[in-house]
Amino acid sequence: MEATVAMTTHSTRCRLDQVTAGTCCTVESIESGEIAIQRLMAMGLCVGRQIEIIRHGNPLIVRLLGARIGVSARVAHHVIVDCAS
């Protein structure tokens, strides 16, 4: 008889500017004006995208789609992410 192990993951929703370096997250929502959203989407940062925080600070450096992009602290504050631990 095979034992089944239930694995649980805890997810934490927070603002992108609160996430520490080395953390992988999924973008949940962007709470900002239309121009800021369009700029982020043009860089590939959009809802549902998985990102990794490379450097915390201003600018915050994230890796997505094989590239690194800088996001200002002001804009990062408006990005809500879900970080599974």
C-alpha atoms as a PDB file:
ATOM      1  CA  MET A   1       0.000   0.000   0.000  1.00  0.00           C
ATOM      2  CA  GLU A   2       1.360   3.378  -0.973  1.00  0.00           C
ATOM      3  CA  ALA A   3       1.191   6.324   1.410  1.00  0.00           C
ATOM      4  CA  THR A   4      -0.004   9.631   0.064  1.00  0.00           C
ATOM      5  CA  VAL A   5       1.713  12.728   1.342  1.00  0.00           C
ATOM      6  CA  ALA A   6      -0.273  15.909   1.228  1.00  0.00           C
ATOM      7  CA  MET A   7       1.896  18.894   0.480  1.00  0.00           C
ATOM      8  CA  THR A   8       0.599  22.281   1.409  1.00  0.00           C
ATOM      9  CA  THR A   9       1.956  25.537   0.165  1.00  0.00           C
ATOM     10  CA  HIS A  10       1.453  28.809   1.890  1.00  0.00           C
ATOM     11  CA  SER A  11       1.025  31.800  -0.316  1.00  0.00           C
ATOM     12  CA  THR A  12       1.552  35.365   0.681  1.00  0.00           C
ATOM     13  CA  ARG A  13       0.052  38.306  -1.146  1.00  0.00           C
ATOM     14  CA  CYS A  14       2.026  41.503  -0.852  1.00  0.00           C
ATOM     15  CA  ARG A  15       3.273  44.461  -2.829  1.00  0.00           C
ATOM     16  CA  LEU A  16       6.220  43.950  -5.137  1.00  0.00           C
ATOM     17  CA  ASP A  17       8.312  46.537  -3.285  1.00  0.00           C
ATOM     18  CA  GLN A  18       8.021  44.402  -0.109  1.00  0.00           C
ATOM     19  CA  VAL A  19       9.451  41.192  -1.614  1.00  0.00           C
ATOM     20  CA  THR A  20      13.026  40.174  -0.817  1.00  0.00           C
ATOM     21  CA  ALA A  21      15.653  39.255  -3.402  1.00  0.00           C
ATOM     22  CA  GLY A  22      15.649  35.628  -4.523  1.00  0.00           C
ATOM     23  CA  THR A  23      11.870  35.242  -4.196  1.00  0.00           C
ATOM     24  CA  CYS A  24       9.737  33.899  -7.050  1.00  0.00           C
ATOM     25  CA  CYS A  25       6.219  35.310  -7.350  1.00  0.00           C
ATOM     26  CA  THR A  26       3.204  35.478  -9.609  1.00  0.00           C
ATOM     27  CA  VAL A  27       1.741  38.869 -10.482  1.00  0.00           C
ATOM     28  CA  GLU A  28      -1.830  38.978  -9.116  1.00  0.00           C
ATOM     29  CA  SER A  29      -2.887  42.517  -9.975  1.00  0.00           C
ATOM     30  CA  ILE A  30      -1.602  45.958 -10.849  1.00  0.00           C
ATOM     31  CA  GLU A  31      -3.237  48.844  -9.004  1.00  0.00           C
ATOM     32  CA  SER A  32      -2.172  51.818 -11.018  1.00  0.00           C
ATOM     33  CA  GLY A  33      -3.126  54.171 -13.786  1.00  0.00           C
ATOM     34  CA  GLU A  34      -3.487  53.035 -17.369  1.00  0.00           C
ATOM     35  CA  ILE A  35      -0.155  54.469 -18.578  1.00  0.00           C
ATOM     36  CA  ALA A  36       1.837  52.619 -15.900  1.00  0.00           C
ATOM     37  CA  ILE A  37       0.030  49.356 -16.692  1.00  0.00           C
ATOM     38  CA  GLN A  38       0.753  49.749 -20.403  1.00  0.00           C
ATOM     39  CA  ARG A  39       4.453  50.353 -19.714  1.00  0.00           C
ATOM     40  CA  LEU A  40       4.696  47.283 -17.467  1.00  0.00           C
ATOM     41  CA  MET A  41       2.850  45.136 -20.003  1.00  0.00           C
ATOM     42  CA  ALA A  42       5.146  46.342 -22.787  1.00  0.00           C
ATOM     43  CA  MET A  43       8.053  45.030 -20.703  1.00  0.00           C
ATOM     44  CA  GLY A  44       6.239  41.708 -20.161  1.00  0.00           C
ATOM     45  CA  LEU A  45       5.201  42.295 -16.552  1.00  0.00           C
ATOM     46  CA  CYS A  46       1.479  41.532 -16.497  1.00  0.00           C
ATOM     47  CA  VAL A  47      -1.107  39.636 -14.442  1.00  0.00           C
ATOM     48  CA  GLY A  48      -0.373  35.911 -14.270  1.00  0.00           C
ATOM     49  CA  ARG A  49       3.324  36.298 -15.108  1.00  0.00           C
ATOM     50  CA  GLN A  50       5.863  34.509 -12.922  1.00  0.00           C
ATOM     51  CA  ILE A  51       8.785  36.692 -11.899  1.00  0.00           C
ATOM     52  CA  GLU A  52      11.879  36.406  -9.739  1.00  0.00           C
ATOM     53  CA  ILE A  53      13.166  39.287  -7.628  1.00  0.00           C
ATOM     54  CA  ILE A  54      16.856  39.751  -8.425  1.00  0.00           C
ATOM     55  CA  ARG A  55      17.533  42.906  -6.432  1.00  0.00           C
ATOM     56  CA  HIS A  56      15.434  44.754  -3.880  1.00  0.00           C
ATOM     57  CA  GLY A  57      15.757  48.534  -3.956  1.00  0.00           C
ATOM     58  CA  ASN A  58      15.154  51.411  -6.308  1.00  0.00           C
ATOM     59  CA  PRO A  59      15.027  50.330  -9.021  1.00  0.00           C
ATOM     60  CA  LEU A  60      13.845  46.864  -8.117  1.00  0.00           C
ATOM     61  CA  ILE A  61      15.282  44.336 -10.581  1.00  0.00           C
ATOM     62  CA  VAL A  62      13.068  41.428 -11.644  1.00  0.00           C
ATOM     63  CA  ARG A  63      13.662  38.533 -14.018  1.00  0.00           C
ATOM     64  CA  LEU A  64      10.877  37.588 -16.384  1.00  0.00           C
ATOM     65  CA  LEU A  65      10.811  35.885 -19.759  1.00  0.00           C
ATOM     66  CA  GLY A  66      14.592  35.418 -19.594  1.00  0.00           C
ATOM     67  CA  ALA A  67      15.293  39.147 -19.227  1.00  0.00           C
ATOM     68  CA  ARG A  68      15.924  41.502 -16.344  1.00  0.00           C
ATOM     69  CA  ILE A  69      13.973  44.716 -16.019  1.00  0.00           C
ATOM     70  CA  GLY A  70      14.101  47.580 -13.564  1.00  0.00           C
ATOM     71  CA  VAL A  71      10.927  48.776 -11.878  1.00  0.00           C
ATOM     72  CA  SER A  72      10.903  51.973  -9.852  1.00  0.00           C
ATOM     73  CA  ALA A  73       9.930  51.677  -6.181  1.00  0.00           C
ATOM     74  CA  ARG A  74       6.940  53.931  -6.847  1.00  0.00           C
ATOM     75  CA  VAL A  75       5.587  51.635  -9.573  1.00  0.00           C
ATOM     76  CA  ALA A  76       6.540  48.418  -7.712  1.00  0.00           C
ATOM     77  CA  HIS A  77       4.340  49.559  -4.817  1.00  0.00           C
ATOM     78  CA  HIS A  78       1.285  49.221  -7.098  1.00  0.00           C
ATOM     79  CA  VAL A  79       2.039  45.639  -8.191  1.00  0.00           C
ATOM     80  CA  ILE A  80       0.416  42.918  -6.044  1.00  0.00           C
ATOM     81  CA  VAL A  81       2.159  39.548  -6.146  1.00  0.00           C
ATOM     82  CA  ASP A  82       1.535  36.085  -4.704  1.00  0.00           C
ATOM     83  CA  CYS A  83       4.655  34.428  -3.334  1.00  0.00           C
ATOM     84  CA  ALA A  84       4.373  30.704  -2.596  1.00  0.00           C
ATOM     85  CA  SER A  85       6.596  29.449   0.195  1.00  0.00           C
END
